[in-house]
């Protein structure tokens, strides 16, 4: 599903952040990536998402090299197969919660029958008519998570998805993410500093200057 092939990336000032990084994830695998601040965890996620390009090397999704796709093809790939949960919620302020969550379905021409269930799954039942300005940061994060999962993406990318949530809500959301990833045979990657969040994945990978290295994980 996802192949990282000798990926290299340096920051604008020239400091190398990823060097000859190679790794393969199969469909159905769900991993957590941990590591020290500044080691390149969010950079790696942006590269996989196609929001940034490696200086050299390739990132392949189902055999297709992301950087070789034209803008239209890359947009279709992200819209149809990716689910993004980033630290900045990117919830659209002029749309209701239901409309925000339904957006991936609308863009893909899919039925809207999952919207109410996803609202309920993230603890926002009966809030669909509200606007983002009426929500707390934690509630906005839950909207972003519901939106990322609603179209059953094949690749779920999450950057600190529970950073704005209380422990009980975080636990529920992490279980929802795992359930959706497994039910859809998707590949899931969560970048986190939280050991509790990482423990919900099948495997924990530690990102260092020497690459990605599996570490012990109990999983769930």
C-alpha atoms as a PDB file:
ATOM      1  CA  UNK A   1       0.000   0.000   0.000  1.00  0.00           C
ATOM      2  CA  UNK A   2       2.638   2.545   1.104  1.00  0.00           C
ATOM      3  CA  UNK A   3       6.296   2.410   0.148  1.00  0.00           C
ATOM      4  CA  UNK A   4       8.986   4.830   1.276  1.00  0.00           C
ATOM      5  CA  UNK A   5      11.995   4.356  -1.011  1.00  0.00           C
ATOM      6  CA  UNK A   6      15.264   6.073   0.009  1.00  0.00           C
ATOM      7  CA  UNK A   7      13.449   9.292   0.924  1.00  0.00           C
ATOM      8  CA  UNK A   8      15.631  12.327   1.650  1.00  0.00           C
ATOM      9  CA  UNK A   9      14.454  15.701   2.900  1.00  0.00           C
ATOM     10  CA  UNK A  10      16.284  18.752   4.220  1.00  0.00           C
ATOM     11  CA  UNK A  11      14.910  21.948   5.716  1.00  0.00           C
ATOM     12  CA  UNK A  12      15.322  25.254   3.876  1.00  0.00           C
ATOM     13  CA  UNK A  13      18.437  26.121   5.858  1.00  0.00           C
ATOM     14  CA  UNK A  14      20.040  22.893   4.695  1.00  0.00           C
ATOM     15  CA  UNK A  15      19.674  20.746   7.813  1.00  0.00           C
ATOM     16  CA  UNK A  16      18.877  17.183   6.837  1.00  0.00           C
ATOM     17  CA  UNK A  17      15.773  15.794   8.518  1.00  0.00           C
ATOM     18  CA  UNK A  18      15.163  12.512   6.671  1.00  0.00           C
ATOM     19  CA  UNK A  19      18.042  10.529   5.178  1.00  0.00           C
ATOM     20  CA  UNK A  20      17.622   7.479   2.927  1.00  0.00           C
ATOM     21  CA  UNK A  21      14.397   6.559   4.703  1.00  0.00           C
ATOM     22  CA  UNK A  22      12.837   3.326   3.476  1.00  0.00           C
ATOM     23  CA  UNK A  23       9.849   1.461   4.859  1.00  0.00           C
ATOM     24  CA  UNK A  24       6.817  -0.461   3.582  1.00  0.00           C
ATOM     25  CA  UNK A  25       3.334  -0.626   5.091  1.00  0.00           C
ATOM     26  CA  UNK A  26       0.705  -3.064   3.857  1.00  0.00           C
ATOM     27  CA  UNK A  27      -3.040  -2.560   3.670  1.00  0.00           C
ATOM     28  CA  UNK A  28      -4.611  -3.150   7.077  1.00  0.00           C
ATOM     29  CA  UNK A  29      -1.521  -2.149   9.050  1.00  0.00           C
ATOM     30  CA  UNK A  30      -1.869   0.583  11.658  1.00  0.00           C
ATOM     31  CA  UNK A  31       1.317   2.081  13.092  1.00  0.00           C
ATOM     32  CA  UNK A  32       2.253   4.852  15.482  1.00  0.00           C
ATOM     33  CA  UNK A  33       5.333   6.969  14.804  1.00  0.00           C
ATOM     34  CA  UNK A  34       7.113   8.471  17.787  1.00  0.00           C
ATOM     35  CA  UNK A  35      10.418  10.281  18.201  1.00  0.00           C
ATOM     36  CA  UNK A  36      12.083  13.361  19.579  1.00  0.00           C
ATOM     37  CA  UNK A  37      10.833  16.830  18.638  1.00  0.00           C
ATOM     38  CA  UNK A  38      12.398  18.060  15.403  1.00  0.00           C
ATOM     39  CA  UNK A  39      13.298  14.606  14.118  1.00  0.00           C
ATOM     40  CA  UNK A  40      10.883  14.973  11.181  1.00  0.00           C
ATOM     41  CA  UNK A  41       7.674  13.178  12.165  1.00  0.00           C
ATOM     42  CA  UNK A  42       5.297  15.841  10.820  1.00  0.00           C
ATOM     43  CA  UNK A  43       7.547  16.380   7.795  1.00  0.00           C
ATOM     44  CA  UNK A  44       7.286  12.686   6.986  1.00  0.00           C
ATOM     45  CA  UNK A  45       3.498  12.813   7.281  1.00  0.00           C
ATOM     46  CA  UNK A  46       3.341  15.816   4.932  1.00  0.00           C
ATOM     47  CA  UNK A  47       5.507  13.981   2.412  1.00  0.00           C
ATOM     48  CA  UNK A  48       3.302  10.896   2.521  1.00  0.00           C
ATOM     49  CA  UNK A  49       0.239  13.108   2.102  1.00  0.00           C
ATOM     50  CA  UNK A  50       1.761  14.715  -0.972  1.00  0.00           C
ATOM     51  CA  UNK A  51       1.645  18.153   0.664  1.00  0.00           C
ATOM     52  CA  UNK A  52       5.427  18.367   0.321  1.00  0.00           C
ATOM     53  CA  UNK A  53       7.910  16.622  -1.958  1.00  0.00           C
ATOM     54  CA  UNK A  54      11.097  14.744  -1.038  1.00  0.00           C
ATOM     55  CA  UNK A  55      14.436  16.104  -2.210  1.00  0.00           C
ATOM     56  CA  UNK A  56      15.142  12.632  -3.570  1.00  0.00           C
ATOM     57  CA  UNK A  57      13.670   9.155  -3.326  1.00  0.00           C
ATOM     58  CA  UNK A  58      10.085   8.093  -3.918  1.00  0.00           C
ATOM     59  CA  UNK A  59       6.860   7.649  -1.982  1.00  0.00           C
ATOM     60  CA  UNK A  60       4.462   5.204  -3.609  1.00  0.00           C
ATOM     61  CA  UNK A  61       0.789   4.601  -2.893  1.00  0.00           C
ATOM     62  CA  UNK A  62      -0.440   1.350  -4.435  1.00  0.00           C
ATOM     63  CA  UNK A  63       2.486   1.507  -6.825  1.00  0.00           C
ATOM     64  CA  UNK A  64       1.918   5.107  -7.934  1.00  0.00           C
ATOM     65  CA  UNK A  65       4.697   7.591  -7.146  1.00  0.00           C
ATOM     66  CA  UNK A  66       2.981  10.625  -5.624  1.00  0.00           C
ATOM     67  CA  UNK A  67       5.494  13.175  -6.873  1.00  0.00           C
ATOM     68  CA  UNK A  68       5.055  11.953 -10.470  1.00  0.00           C
ATOM     69  CA  UNK A  69       1.303  12.631 -10.509  1.00  0.00           C
ATOM     70  CA  UNK A  70      -0.005  15.817 -12.057  1.00  0.00           C
ATOM     71  CA  UNK A  71      -2.063  18.158  -9.887  1.00  0.00           C
ATOM     72  CA  UNK A  72      -5.424  16.724 -10.953  1.00  0.00           C
ATOM     73  CA  UNK A  73      -4.368  13.114 -10.370  1.00  0.00           C
ATOM     74  CA  UNK A  74      -2.821  13.941  -6.991  1.00  0.00           C
ATOM     75  CA  UNK A  75      -5.969  15.786  -5.938  1.00  0.00           C
ATOM     76  CA  UNK A  76      -8.162  12.825  -6.926  1.00  0.00           C
ATOM     77  CA  UNK A  77      -5.923  10.421  -5.028  1.00  0.00           C
ATOM     78  CA  UNK A  78      -6.065  12.503  -1.841  1.00  0.00           C
ATOM     79  CA  UNK A  79      -9.796  13.134  -2.149  1.00  0.00           C
ATOM     80  CA  UNK A  80     -10.748   9.508  -2.751  1.00  0.00           C
ATOM     81  CA  UNK A  81      -8.243   7.486  -0.741  1.00  0.00           C
ATOM     82  CA  UNK A  82      -6.763   9.706   1.988  1.00  0.00           C
ATOM     83  CA  UNK A  83      -8.112  10.757   5.362  1.00  0.00           C
ATOM     84  CA  UNK A  84      -6.200  13.574   7.086  1.00  0.00           C
ATOM     85  CA  UNK A  85      -6.259  14.476  10.766  1.00  0.00           C
ATOM     86  CA  UNK A  86      -3.798  17.280  11.410  1.00  0.00           C
ATOM     87  CA  UNK A  87      -3.157  19.491  14.431  1.00  0.00           C
ATOM     88  CA  UNK A  88      -4.736  22.462  12.656  1.00  0.00           C
ATOM     89  CA  UNK A  89      -8.363  21.384  12.332  1.00  0.00           C
ATOM     90  CA  UNK A  90      -9.053  23.042   8.937  1.00  0.00           C
ATOM     91  CA  UNK A  91     -12.770  23.011   9.745  1.00  0.00           C
ATOM     92  CA  UNK A  92     -14.598  25.413   7.414  1.00  0.00           C
ATOM     93  CA  UNK A  93     -16.221  28.163   9.540  1.00  0.00           C
ATOM     94  CA  UNK A  94     -19.094  28.937   7.163  1.00  0.00           C
ATOM     95  CA  UNK A  95     -20.350  25.326   7.100  1.00  0.00           C
ATOM     96  CA  UNK A  96     -22.300  23.512   9.808  1.00  0.00           C
ATOM     97  CA  UNK A  97     -20.781  20.488  11.512  1.00  0.00           C
ATOM     98  CA  UNK A  98     -22.847  18.148   9.336  1.00  0.00           C
ATOM     99  CA  UNK A  99     -21.738  19.962   6.195  1.00  0.00           C
ATOM    100  CA  UNK A 100     -18.079  19.866   7.258  1.00  0.00           C
ATOM    101  CA  UNK A 101     -18.218  16.149   7.954  1.00  0.00           C
ATOM    102  CA  UNK A 102     -20.125  15.436   4.726  1.00  0.00           C
ATOM    103  CA  UNK A 103     -17.621  17.300   2.546  1.00  0.00           C
ATOM    104  CA  UNK A 104     -15.525  14.246   1.491  1.00  0.00           C
ATOM    105  CA  UNK A 105     -18.712  12.394   0.534  1.00  0.00           C
ATOM    106  CA  UNK A 106     -19.943  15.338  -1.538  1.00  0.00           C
ATOM    107  CA  UNK A 107     -16.593  15.707  -3.305  1.00  0.00           C
ATOM    108  CA  UNK A 108     -16.608  12.008  -4.161  1.00  0.00           C
ATOM    109  CA  UNK A 109     -20.264  11.885  -5.189  1.00  0.00           C
ATOM    110  CA  UNK A 110     -21.035   9.383  -2.420  1.00  0.00           C
ATOM    111  CA  UNK A 111     -24.269   8.987  -0.405  1.00  0.00           C
ATOM    112  CA  UNK A 112     -24.545  11.050   2.770  1.00  0.00           C
ATOM    113  CA  UNK A 113     -25.956   8.252   4.902  1.00  0.00           C
ATOM    114  CA  UNK A 114     -22.992   8.107   7.325  1.00  0.00           C
ATOM    115  CA  UNK A 115     -23.067  11.722   8.532  1.00  0.00           C
ATOM    116  CA  UNK A 116     -25.405  11.321  11.500  1.00  0.00           C
ATOM    117  CA  UNK A 117     -23.691   8.128  12.630  1.00  0.00           C
ATOM    118  CA  UNK A 118     -20.256   9.739  12.510  1.00  0.00           C
ATOM    119  CA  UNK A 119     -21.534  12.697  14.530  1.00  0.00           C
ATOM    120  CA  UNK A 120     -22.788  10.255  17.142  1.00  0.00           C
ATOM    121  CA  UNK A 121     -19.546   8.247  17.062  1.00  0.00           C
ATOM    122  CA  UNK A 122     -17.487  11.328  17.982  1.00  0.00           C
ATOM    123  CA  UNK A 123     -19.894  12.426  20.700  1.00  0.00           C
ATOM    124  CA  UNK A 124     -21.601  15.240  18.791  1.00  0.00           C
ATOM    125  CA  UNK A 125     -25.053  13.773  18.260  1.00  0.00           C
ATOM    126  CA  UNK A 126     -27.689  16.501  17.707  1.00  0.00           C
ATOM    127  CA  UNK A 127     -24.952  19.114  17.104  1.00  0.00           C
ATOM    128  CA  UNK A 128     -24.931  18.824  13.330  1.00  0.00           C
ATOM    129  CA  UNK A 129     -26.698  22.157  12.808  1.00  0.00           C
ATOM    130  CA  UNK A 130     -24.132  24.077  14.878  1.00  0.00           C
ATOM    131  CA  UNK A 131     -21.292  26.093  13.387  1.00  0.00           C
ATOM    132  CA  UNK A 132     -17.592  25.746  14.287  1.00  0.00           C
ATOM    133  CA  UNK A 133     -17.619  29.039  16.227  1.00  0.00           C
ATOM    134  CA  UNK A 134     -19.959  27.389  18.726  1.00  0.00           C
ATOM    135  CA  UNK A 135     -17.507  24.584  19.544  1.00  0.00           C
ATOM    136  CA  UNK A 136     -14.488  24.168  21.785  1.00  0.00           C
ATOM    137  CA  UNK A 137     -11.087  23.163  20.439  1.00  0.00           C
ATOM    138  CA  UNK A 138     -11.645  19.575  21.518  1.00  0.00           C
ATOM    139  CA  UNK A 139     -15.010  19.457  19.774  1.00  0.00           C
ATOM    140  CA  UNK A 140     -13.495  20.882  16.587  1.00  0.00           C
ATOM    141  CA  UNK A 141     -10.888  18.129  16.681  1.00  0.00           C
ATOM    142  CA  UNK A 142     -13.656  15.546  16.863  1.00  0.00           C
ATOM    143  CA  UNK A 143     -15.306  17.105  13.800  1.00  0.00           C
ATOM    144  CA  UNK A 144     -11.995  16.890  11.937  1.00  0.00           C
ATOM    145  CA  UNK A 145     -11.629  13.223  12.893  1.00  0.00           C
ATOM    146  CA  UNK A 146     -15.161  12.387  11.762  1.00  0.00           C
ATOM    147  CA  UNK A 147     -14.580  14.152   8.458  1.00  0.00           C
ATOM    148  CA  UNK A 148     -11.324  12.257   7.895  1.00  0.00           C
ATOM    149  CA  UNK A 149     -12.965   8.863   8.402  1.00  0.00           C
ATOM    150  CA  UNK A 150     -16.409   9.284   6.861  1.00  0.00           C
ATOM    151  CA  UNK A 151     -15.530   8.280   3.266  1.00  0.00           C
ATOM    152  CA  UNK A 152     -13.722   5.102   4.398  1.00  0.00           C
ATOM    153  CA  UNK A 153     -10.268   6.164   3.156  1.00  0.00           C
ATOM    154  CA  UNK A 154      -7.589   3.608   2.387  1.00  0.00           C
ATOM    155  CA  UNK A 155      -4.835   5.693   3.992  1.00  0.00           C
ATOM    156  CA  UNK A 156      -5.450   7.497   7.299  1.00  0.00           C
ATOM    157  CA  UNK A 157      -2.811  10.027   8.383  1.00  0.00           C
ATOM    158  CA  UNK A 158      -3.108  11.540  11.853  1.00  0.00           C
ATOM    159  CA  UNK A 159      -0.771  14.123  13.422  1.00  0.00           C
ATOM    160  CA  UNK A 160      -1.347  14.321  17.199  1.00  0.00           C
ATOM    161  CA  UNK A 161      -5.088  13.646  16.700  1.00  0.00           C
ATOM    162  CA  UNK A 162      -5.918  13.618  20.417  1.00  0.00           C
ATOM    163  CA  UNK A 163      -3.822  16.572  21.542  1.00  0.00           C
ATOM    164  CA  UNK A 164      -6.891  18.716  22.240  1.00  0.00           C
ATOM    165  CA  UNK A 165      -8.998  15.987  23.854  1.00  0.00           C
ATOM    166  CA  UNK A 166      -9.477  14.933  27.463  1.00  0.00           C
ATOM    167  CA  UNK A 167      -8.224  11.403  28.292  1.00  0.00           C
ATOM    168  CA  UNK A 168     -11.641   9.704  28.203  1.00  0.00           C
ATOM    169  CA  UNK A 169     -12.636  11.281  24.876  1.00  0.00           C
ATOM    170  CA  UNK A 170      -9.173  10.593  23.472  1.00  0.00           C
ATOM    171  CA  UNK A 171      -9.539   6.907  24.328  1.00  0.00           C
ATOM    172  CA  UNK A 172     -12.933   6.711  22.611  1.00  0.00           C
ATOM    173  CA  UNK A 173     -11.667   8.517  19.505  1.00  0.00           C
ATOM    174  CA  UNK A 174      -8.584   6.314  19.251  1.00  0.00           C
ATOM    175  CA  UNK A 175     -10.747   3.209  19.430  1.00  0.00           C
ATOM    176  CA  UNK A 176     -13.009   4.641  16.715  1.00  0.00           C
ATOM    177  CA  UNK A 177      -9.979   5.327  14.509  1.00  0.00           C
ATOM    178  CA  UNK A 178      -8.689   1.798  15.000  1.00  0.00           C
ATOM    179  CA  UNK A 179     -12.113   0.266  14.311  1.00  0.00           C
ATOM    180  CA  UNK A 180     -12.561   2.267  11.095  1.00  0.00           C
ATOM    181  CA  UNK A 181      -9.038   1.501   9.863  1.00  0.00           C
ATOM    182  CA  UNK A 182      -9.443  -2.230  10.478  1.00  0.00           C
ATOM    183  CA  UNK A 183     -13.004  -2.432   9.113  1.00  0.00           C
ATOM    184  CA  UNK A 184     -11.968  -0.770   5.855  1.00  0.00           C
ATOM    185  CA  UNK A 185      -8.675  -2.635   5.408  1.00  0.00           C
ATOM    186  CA  UNK A 186      -6.929   0.725   5.439  1.00  0.00           C
ATOM    187  CA  UNK A 187      -3.364   1.658   6.255  1.00  0.00           C
ATOM    188  CA  UNK A 188      -3.160   3.948   9.269  1.00  0.00           C
ATOM    189  CA  UNK A 189      -0.339   6.163  10.545  1.00  0.00           C
ATOM    190  CA  UNK A 190      -0.576   8.180  13.742  1.00  0.00           C
ATOM    191  CA  UNK A 191       2.201  10.579  14.739  1.00  0.00           C
ATOM    192  CA  UNK A 192       2.079  11.192  18.471  1.00  0.00           C
ATOM    193  CA  UNK A 193       4.018  11.980  21.631  1.00  0.00           C
ATOM    194  CA  UNK A 194       1.426  10.089  23.678  1.00  0.00           C
ATOM    195  CA  UNK A 195       2.375   6.556  24.673  1.00  0.00           C
ATOM    196  CA  UNK A 196      -1.296   5.847  25.433  1.00  0.00           C
ATOM    197  CA  UNK A 197      -2.270   6.868  21.892  1.00  0.00           C
ATOM    198  CA  UNK A 198       0.607   4.926  20.349  1.00  0.00           C
ATOM    199  CA  UNK A 199      -0.384   1.780  22.250  1.00  0.00           C
ATOM    200  CA  UNK A 200      -3.648   1.558  20.254  1.00  0.00           C
ATOM    201  CA  UNK A 201      -1.666   0.876  17.063  1.00  0.00           C
ATOM    202  CA  UNK A 202      -0.457  -2.531  15.910  1.00  0.00           C
ATOM    203  CA  UNK A 203       3.156  -1.382  16.064  1.00  0.00           C
ATOM    204  CA  UNK A 204       5.146   1.591  17.336  1.00  0.00           C
ATOM    205  CA  UNK A 205       7.903   2.920  15.091  1.00  0.00           C
ATOM    206  CA  UNK A 206      10.574   5.210  16.498  1.00  0.00           C
ATOM    207  CA  UNK A 207      11.832   7.789  13.988  1.00  0.00           C
ATOM    208  CA  UNK A 208      15.494   8.712  14.414  1.00  0.00           C
ATOM    209  CA  UNK A 209      18.167  10.120  12.133  1.00  0.00           C
ATOM    210  CA  UNK A 210      18.903   6.495  11.227  1.00  0.00           C
ATOM    211  CA  UNK A 211      15.372   5.680  10.053  1.00  0.00           C
ATOM    212  CA  UNK A 212      12.222   4.005  11.363  1.00  0.00           C
ATOM    213  CA  UNK A 213      12.706   1.283  13.964  1.00  0.00           C
ATOM    214  CA  UNK A 214       9.999  -0.946  15.480  1.00  0.00           C
ATOM    215  CA  UNK A 215       9.731  -0.894  19.251  1.00  0.00           C
ATOM    216  CA  UNK A 216       7.695  -3.034  21.630  1.00  0.00           C
ATOM    217  CA  UNK A 217       3.942  -2.442  21.617  1.00  0.00           C
ATOM    218  CA  UNK A 218       1.162  -4.296  23.349  1.00  0.00           C
ATOM    219  CA  UNK A 219      -1.446  -3.138  20.831  1.00  0.00           C
ATOM    220  CA  UNK A 220      -5.099  -3.667  21.530  1.00  0.00           C
END
